[in-house]
Amino acid sequence: MADYTTITAVKADMPDSNLYASTSYDYDLVIQGMITAASRLIDKEVGGWANYFYPTTDDQTRYYDGSGEVDLYVDPIISLTSVYVSESGGRSLTDYTAWTENTDYFVWPYNYSSIGVPIQMLLVDNDAGGKGSWGTTRKGIKITGVFGYSSYPPADIQQACKITAMRWFMRAKQSWQDTSANMALGELLYTQSLDPDVKEILKPYKTFNAVTGI
């Protein structure tokens, strides 16, 4: 599983903690576990899957229902290898026909790589390709590529992971109590389901899972 930050980065963001200047590795295993758990929580919070922001570079094949329209929403794709469509309505291996990018369909956003977002939709080029639509066959679209939001965690996702891991670490030091005390300010702090800053960071990444079969 891919982690969205490192132990060193977490310690560097905790200057008021003994961990900041310490050369001890006593807590490293605990922090590492919290980083991994925070990474997977982030995946779930945005509606993605494990390693959504740091996937393997291996190709994966996913199937989709034909939309019956010229547009087909897909799970976020970092790099697209091939698109096959069942033009006859069958689902055997020979029923799928290879479609060609920029001839039969376009990827959208058109400038996805330059603006730092994944492919989110495929559009039939019904002017030149003559395909008409994606058809209506269940599991009629077979797409192969690298699925995920990014090939490496964006800076704000790394920050969200650090915040969550640090918050859990400090709460664990108080036996996971729901409240803690700030002695300097003389106030009680109440634990919430997810840090408000993390919620704001993740908000633009919220998505839906378009996969109908894997």
Protein backbone atom coordinates (compact mmCIF):
# COMPACT_ATOMS: atom_id res chain seq x y z
CA MET A 1 0.00 0.00 0.00
CA ALA A 2 1.20 3.52 -0.80
CA ASP A 3 1.59 6.12 1.94
CA TYR A 4 0.95 9.82 1.29
CA THR A 5 3.66 11.16 3.59
CA THR A 6 6.69 9.97 5.55
CA ILE A 7 7.76 9.65 9.17
CA THR A 8 10.41 12.33 8.63
CA ALA A 9 7.84 14.76 7.22
CA VAL A 10 5.50 14.18 10.16
CA LYS A 11 8.27 14.79 12.70
CA ALA A 12 9.36 17.94 10.88
CA ASP A 13 5.86 19.39 11.32
CA MET A 14 5.90 18.81 15.09
CA PRO A 15 8.46 21.38 16.36
CA ASP A 16 6.89 21.54 19.85
CA SER A 17 7.14 17.78 20.28
CA ASN A 18 10.10 15.88 21.67
CA LEU A 19 10.00 13.91 18.40
CA TYR A 20 11.22 16.96 16.45
CA ALA A 21 14.77 16.94 17.80
CA SER A 22 14.94 13.39 19.04
CA THR A 23 17.15 10.81 17.36
CA SER A 24 15.11 8.01 18.91
CA TYR A 25 13.14 5.71 16.65
CA ASP A 26 10.89 4.39 19.43
CA TYR A 27 7.69 5.84 17.96
CA ASP A 28 8.49 5.31 14.30
CA LEU A 29 6.50 2.08 13.96
CA VAL A 30 3.47 3.73 15.58
CA ILE A 31 3.71 6.82 13.37
CA GLN A 32 4.14 4.68 10.26
CA GLY A 33 0.97 2.78 11.08
CA MET A 34 -0.91 6.04 11.53
CA ILE A 35 0.39 7.38 8.22
CA THR A 36 -0.81 4.27 6.38
CA ALA A 37 -4.21 4.41 8.11
CA ALA A 38 -4.54 8.14 7.34
CA SER A 39 -3.68 7.51 3.68
CA ARG A 40 -6.41 4.89 3.37
CA LEU A 41 -8.89 7.15 5.21
CA ILE A 42 -8.19 9.91 2.68
CA ASP A 43 -8.87 7.45 -0.15
CA LYS A 44 -12.27 6.62 1.35
CA GLU A 45 -13.17 10.22 2.19
CA VAL A 46 -12.83 11.35 -1.43
CA GLY A 47 -14.69 8.31 -2.76
CA GLY A 48 -11.63 6.71 -4.29
CA TRP A 49 -9.91 3.38 -3.77
CA ALA A 50 -6.67 2.28 -2.09
CA ASN A 51 -3.64 4.19 -3.45
CA TYR A 52 -5.93 6.63 -5.27
CA PHE A 53 -3.27 9.38 -5.16
CA TYR A 54 -0.23 7.14 -5.62
CA PRO A 55 -1.18 4.07 -7.69
CA THR A 56 0.99 1.37 -9.13
CA THR A 57 2.20 2.06 -12.66
CA ASP A 58 0.84 -1.30 -13.83
CA ASP A 59 -2.06 -1.27 -16.28
CA GLN A 60 -5.47 -2.35 -15.03
CA THR A 61 -8.60 -3.20 -17.04
CA ARG A 62 -12.01 -1.91 -15.98
CA TYR A 63 -15.43 -2.35 -17.56
CA TYR A 64 -18.23 0.19 -17.92
CA ASP A 65 -21.82 0.19 -19.14
CA GLY A 66 -22.44 1.99 -22.41
CA SER A 67 -23.97 5.38 -21.65
CA GLY A 68 -26.00 5.60 -24.85
CA GLU A 69 -24.58 9.10 -25.27
CA VAL A 70 -21.48 10.67 -26.80
CA ASP A 71 -19.97 11.17 -23.34
CA LEU A 72 -18.83 8.42 -20.99
CA TYR A 73 -17.83 9.24 -17.42
CA VAL A 74 -15.01 7.01 -16.17
CA ASP A 75 -13.01 6.56 -13.00
CA PRO A 76 -10.06 8.99 -12.96
CA ILE A 77 -7.31 7.78 -15.29
CA ILE A 78 -3.68 8.91 -15.16
CA SER A 79 -2.63 7.26 -18.41
CA LEU A 80 -4.82 5.54 -20.98
CA THR A 81 -3.59 2.46 -22.87
CA SER A 82 -6.60 1.18 -24.80
CA VAL A 83 -10.37 1.43 -25.21
CA TYR A 84 -12.46 -1.45 -26.55
CA VAL A 85 -16.19 -1.21 -27.23
CA SER A 86 -18.77 -3.94 -27.80
CA GLU A 87 -20.37 -2.64 -30.97
CA SER A 88 -22.42 -5.81 -31.53
CA GLY A 89 -23.87 -5.98 -28.01
CA GLY A 90 -22.03 -9.17 -27.07
CA ARG A 91 -19.55 -9.63 -24.26
CA SER A 92 -17.26 -12.38 -25.50
CA LEU A 93 -13.61 -11.55 -26.16
CA THR A 94 -14.11 -11.15 -29.91
CA ASP A 95 -17.09 -8.80 -29.52
CA TYR A 96 -14.94 -5.87 -28.39
CA THR A 97 -13.58 -3.53 -31.07
CA ALA A 98 -10.55 -1.30 -30.46
CA TRP A 99 -11.32 2.41 -30.66
CA THR A 100 -8.61 4.93 -31.52
CA GLU A 101 -7.97 8.04 -29.45
CA ASN A 102 -8.38 11.32 -31.36
CA THR A 103 -10.13 9.44 -34.17
CA ASP A 104 -13.02 7.60 -32.54
CA TYR A 105 -12.98 9.46 -29.21
CA PHE A 106 -11.30 12.24 -27.24
CA VAL A 107 -10.22 12.28 -23.61
CA TRP A 108 -11.54 15.00 -21.31
CA PRO A 109 -10.33 17.37 -19.96
CA TYR A 110 -8.49 17.88 -23.23
CA ASN A 111 -5.50 19.42 -21.45
CA TYR A 112 -5.62 17.13 -18.42
CA SER A 113 -1.86 16.58 -18.10
CA SER A 114 -0.93 20.26 -18.32
CA ILE A 115 -3.51 21.33 -15.70
CA GLY A 116 -2.62 18.51 -13.34
CA VAL A 117 -5.84 16.52 -13.27
CA PRO A 118 -6.70 12.98 -14.46
CA ILE A 119 -8.83 11.93 -17.42
CA GLN A 120 -12.44 11.94 -16.23
CA MET A 121 -14.52 11.41 -19.34
CA LEU A 122 -14.30 10.04 -22.90
CA LEU A 123 -16.11 11.81 -25.74
CA VAL A 124 -17.12 10.15 -29.01
CA ASP A 125 -15.82 12.06 -32.04
CA ASN A 126 -19.07 11.72 -33.94
CA ASP A 127 -17.95 14.22 -36.57
CA ALA A 128 -14.97 12.28 -37.93
CA GLY A 129 -15.10 8.80 -36.42
CA GLY A 130 -18.71 8.03 -37.22
CA LYS A 131 -19.22 5.91 -34.08
CA GLY A 132 -22.32 7.80 -32.98
CA SER A 133 -22.36 6.91 -29.27
CA TRP A 134 -21.00 4.53 -26.66
CA GLY A 135 -23.98 2.22 -27.13
CA THR A 136 -26.08 0.82 -24.30
CA THR A 137 -24.50 -2.60 -23.69
CA ARG A 138 -23.97 -3.59 -20.09
CA LYS A 139 -20.24 -4.00 -19.48
CA GLY A 140 -19.84 -2.91 -23.09
CA ILE A 141 -16.79 -0.69 -22.60
CA LYS A 142 -13.39 -2.15 -21.70
CA ILE A 143 -10.73 0.37 -20.69
CA THR A 144 -7.10 -0.39 -19.86
CA GLY A 145 -4.76 2.09 -18.23
CA VAL A 146 -3.46 3.39 -14.91
CA PHE A 147 -6.40 4.41 -12.75
CA GLY A 148 -6.09 7.01 -10.00
CA TYR A 149 -6.07 10.74 -9.42
CA SER A 150 -2.32 11.33 -9.66
CA SER A 151 0.92 9.44 -10.10
CA TYR A 152 2.29 11.07 -6.93
CA PRO A 153 0.37 12.60 -3.99
CA PRO A 154 -0.32 16.33 -4.48
CA ALA A 155 1.18 18.63 -1.83
CA ASP A 156 -2.16 19.29 -0.13
CA ILE A 157 -2.93 15.56 0.06
CA GLN A 158 0.46 15.04 1.72
CA GLN A 159 -0.44 17.80 4.18
CA ALA A 160 -3.84 16.25 4.92
CA CYS A 161 -2.11 12.95 5.67
CA LYS A 162 0.40 14.64 8.00
CA ILE A 163 -2.34 16.51 9.88
CA THR A 164 -4.36 13.34 10.40
CA ALA A 165 -1.38 11.24 11.49
CA MET A 166 -0.13 13.94 13.89
CA ARG A 167 -3.60 14.41 15.34
CA TRP A 168 -3.95 10.70 15.99
CA PHE A 169 -0.47 10.55 17.54
CA MET A 170 -1.23 13.37 19.99
CA ARG A 171 -4.60 11.87 20.83
CA ALA A 172 -3.03 8.45 21.41
CA LYS A 173 -0.71 10.06 23.98
CA GLN A 174 -3.87 10.92 25.95
CA SER A 175 -5.28 7.39 25.73
CA TRP A 176 -7.62 8.32 22.85
CA GLN A 177 -9.82 10.49 25.06
CA ASP A 178 -12.50 12.59 23.36
CA THR A 179 -11.30 15.77 25.08
CA SER A 180 -7.89 17.20 25.86
CA ALA A 181 -6.64 20.28 27.70
CA ASN A 182 -4.59 23.18 26.40
CA MET A 183 -2.82 24.25 29.57
CA ALA A 184 -1.37 27.41 28.00
CA LEU A 185 -4.80 28.75 27.05
CA GLY A 186 -6.78 27.07 29.82
CA GLU A 187 -9.32 25.53 27.50
CA LEU A 188 -10.70 22.12 26.61
CA LEU A 189 -10.32 20.76 23.09
CA TYR A 190 -12.93 18.39 21.71
CA THR A 191 -12.13 15.70 19.17
CA GLN A 192 -14.13 15.84 15.93
CA SER A 193 -14.66 13.12 13.34
CA LEU A 194 -12.13 14.63 10.93
CA ASP A 195 -9.99 17.73 11.19
CA PRO A 196 -11.77 20.77 9.64
CA ASP A 197 -8.67 21.72 7.65
CA VAL A 198 -8.44 18.19 6.25
CA LYS A 199 -12.10 18.35 5.24
CA GLU A 200 -11.42 21.57 3.31
CA ILE A 201 -8.36 20.08 1.63
CA LEU A 202 -10.27 16.99 0.50
CA LYS A 203 -13.42 18.78 -0.64
CA PRO A 204 -12.25 19.50 -4.24
CA TYR A 205 -11.18 15.88 -4.66
CA LYS A 206 -14.58 14.39 -3.82
CA THR A 207 -15.71 12.11 -6.61
CA PHE A 208 -17.92 9.15 -7.39
CA ASN A 209 -17.01 5.63 -8.43
CA ALA A 210 -18.19 5.04 -12.00
CA VAL A 211 -17.01 1.43 -12.19
CA THR A 212 -19.75 -1.13 -12.86
CA GLY A 213 -17.39 -4.05 -12.94
CA ILE A 214 -13.69 -4.70 -12.48
